[in-house]
Protein backbone atom coordinates (compact mmCIF):
# COMPACT_ATOMS: atom_id res chain seq x y z
CA GLN A 1 0.00 0.00 0.00
CA VAL A 2 0.96 3.61 -0.55
CA GLN A 3 0.11 6.39 1.86
CA LEU A 4 -0.21 9.97 0.64
CA VAL A 5 -0.25 12.98 2.95
CA GLU A 6 -1.02 16.47 1.68
CA SER A 7 -0.12 19.79 3.27
CA GLY A 8 -0.16 23.45 2.41
CA GLY A 9 -3.80 24.33 1.96
CA GLY A 10 -5.39 27.39 3.45
CA LEU A 11 -7.21 30.65 2.88
CA VAL A 12 -5.89 33.16 0.36
CA GLN A 13 -7.22 36.21 -1.43
CA ALA A 14 -7.88 36.18 -5.14
CA GLY A 15 -4.67 36.77 -7.05
CA GLY A 16 -2.59 35.17 -4.33
CA SER A 17 -0.50 32.00 -4.30
CA LEU A 18 -0.36 28.74 -2.42
CA ARG A 19 1.90 25.72 -2.63
CA LEU A 20 0.57 22.26 -1.92
CA SER A 21 2.86 19.36 -1.08
CA CYS A 22 2.24 15.64 -1.00
CA ALA A 23 4.54 13.06 0.56
CA ALA A 24 4.29 9.39 -0.27
CA SER A 25 5.30 6.55 2.00
CA GLY A 26 4.83 2.81 2.27
CA SER A 27 5.23 0.69 -0.84
CA ILE A 28 6.72 3.53 -2.88
CA TYR A 29 7.94 1.17 -5.59
CA ARG A 30 4.29 0.97 -6.64
CA ILE A 31 4.06 4.71 -7.38
CA ASN A 32 3.43 5.53 -11.03
CA VAL A 33 1.93 8.77 -12.34
CA MET A 34 1.29 11.29 -9.56
CA GLY A 35 -1.33 13.98 -9.69
CA TRP A 36 -3.56 16.50 -8.01
CA TYR A 37 -7.33 16.44 -8.19
CA ARG A 38 -9.88 18.77 -6.65
CA GLN A 39 -13.48 18.63 -5.63
CA ALA A 40 -15.64 21.68 -5.04
CA PRO A 41 -18.92 21.46 -3.11
CA GLY A 42 -21.63 19.91 -5.24
CA LYS A 43 -19.23 19.06 -8.04
CA GLN A 44 -17.41 15.97 -9.21
CA ARG A 45 -13.75 15.43 -8.48
CA GLU A 46 -11.66 16.67 -11.40
CA LEU A 47 -8.08 16.39 -12.52
CA VAL A 48 -5.95 19.48 -11.90
CA ALA A 49 -2.53 18.27 -13.02
CA ARG A 50 -0.46 15.11 -13.20
CA ILE A 51 3.16 14.24 -13.78
CA THR A 52 5.00 11.08 -14.77
CA SER A 53 8.22 9.88 -13.19
CA GLY A 54 10.00 11.25 -16.25
CA GLY A 55 8.55 14.70 -15.74
CA SER A 56 5.87 14.81 -18.45
CA THR A 57 2.91 16.91 -17.32
CA ASN A 58 -0.77 17.43 -18.08
CA TYR A 59 -2.94 20.27 -16.82
CA ALA A 60 -6.61 21.04 -16.80
CA ASP A 61 -7.36 23.90 -19.18
CA SER A 62 -8.68 25.97 -16.28
CA VAL A 63 -5.30 26.04 -14.53
CA LYS A 64 -2.86 26.18 -17.45
CA GLY A 65 -0.42 29.04 -17.05
CA ARG A 66 -1.28 29.49 -13.39
CA PHE A 67 -0.44 26.18 -11.73
CA THR A 68 2.78 24.19 -11.90
CA ILE A 69 3.19 20.58 -10.83
CA SER A 70 6.59 19.23 -9.88
CA ARG A 71 7.91 15.96 -8.55
CA ASP A 72 10.95 14.80 -6.62
CA ASN A 73 11.39 11.08 -7.27
CA ALA A 74 14.16 10.78 -4.70
CA LYS A 75 11.98 12.22 -1.93
CA ASN A 76 8.74 10.70 -3.22
CA THR A 77 6.98 14.04 -3.19
CA VAL A 78 4.79 15.95 -5.59
CA ASP A 79 4.05 19.67 -5.28
CA LEU A 80 1.52 21.99 -6.82
CA GLN A 81 2.42 25.66 -7.07
CA MET A 82 -0.75 27.68 -7.53
CA ASN A 83 -0.50 31.30 -8.64
CA SER A 84 -3.09 33.89 -9.62
CA LEU A 85 -5.69 32.02 -7.64
CA LYS A 86 -9.36 32.61 -8.37
CA PRO A 87 -12.44 32.04 -6.21
CA GLU A 88 -13.40 29.20 -8.55
CA ASP A 89 -10.23 27.37 -7.49
CA THR A 90 -11.81 26.87 -4.06
CA ALA A 91 -12.01 23.13 -3.41
CA VAL A 92 -10.56 20.24 -1.48
CA TYR A 93 -7.37 19.20 -3.25
CA TYR A 94 -6.33 15.55 -3.27
CA CYS A 95 -3.02 13.95 -4.06
CA ASN A 96 -3.23 10.80 -6.16
CA THR A 97 -1.12 8.08 -7.67
CA ASP A 98 -1.87 4.89 -9.52
CA ASP A 99 -0.37 1.52 -8.70
CA LYS A 100 2.28 0.45 -11.19
CA PHE A 101 1.41 -3.21 -10.73
CA ARG A 102 -2.36 -3.13 -10.43
CA ARG A 103 -4.37 -1.74 -13.31
CA SER A 104 -6.84 1.01 -12.41
CA TYR A 105 -5.87 0.91 -8.74
CA TYR A 106 -5.46 4.31 -7.18
CA TYR A 107 -4.25 5.77 -3.92
CA TRP A 108 -5.59 9.01 -2.48
CA GLY A 109 -4.56 11.39 0.22
CA GLN A 110 -6.99 12.74 2.78
CA GLY A 111 -7.32 16.08 1.02
CA THR A 112 -6.44 19.65 1.92
CA GLN A 113 -8.82 22.61 1.76
CA VAL A 114 -7.99 25.57 -0.47
CA THR A 115 -10.26 28.60 -0.12
CA VAL A 116 -9.86 31.66 -2.33
CA SER A 117 -11.75 34.74 -1.25
CA SER A 118 -12.85 37.43 -3.67
């Protein structure tokens, strides 16, 4: 099993910045693509950004140019730098990875709240 622990959420004004961090532990050899998802009240969980072990990235259109995902394979961490935050970025943000050896098996962190005030 892989355990994921997020940190760095909080309250920020629109236009501000936050940095989220996620640390993985446990069976880290199972870690594959790592990513950040978010879920706003009344909405489905959606992909924000993801990154492969080789550094290839994908972003949701809504965050392109504002958010940057990065990964440290040696430390088993993945960060999300969020700039120019908007009220619509308000959500619980979850760290995620899929299991390299089990198809469609995912691990999730407990989530961290990000609130952007207008």
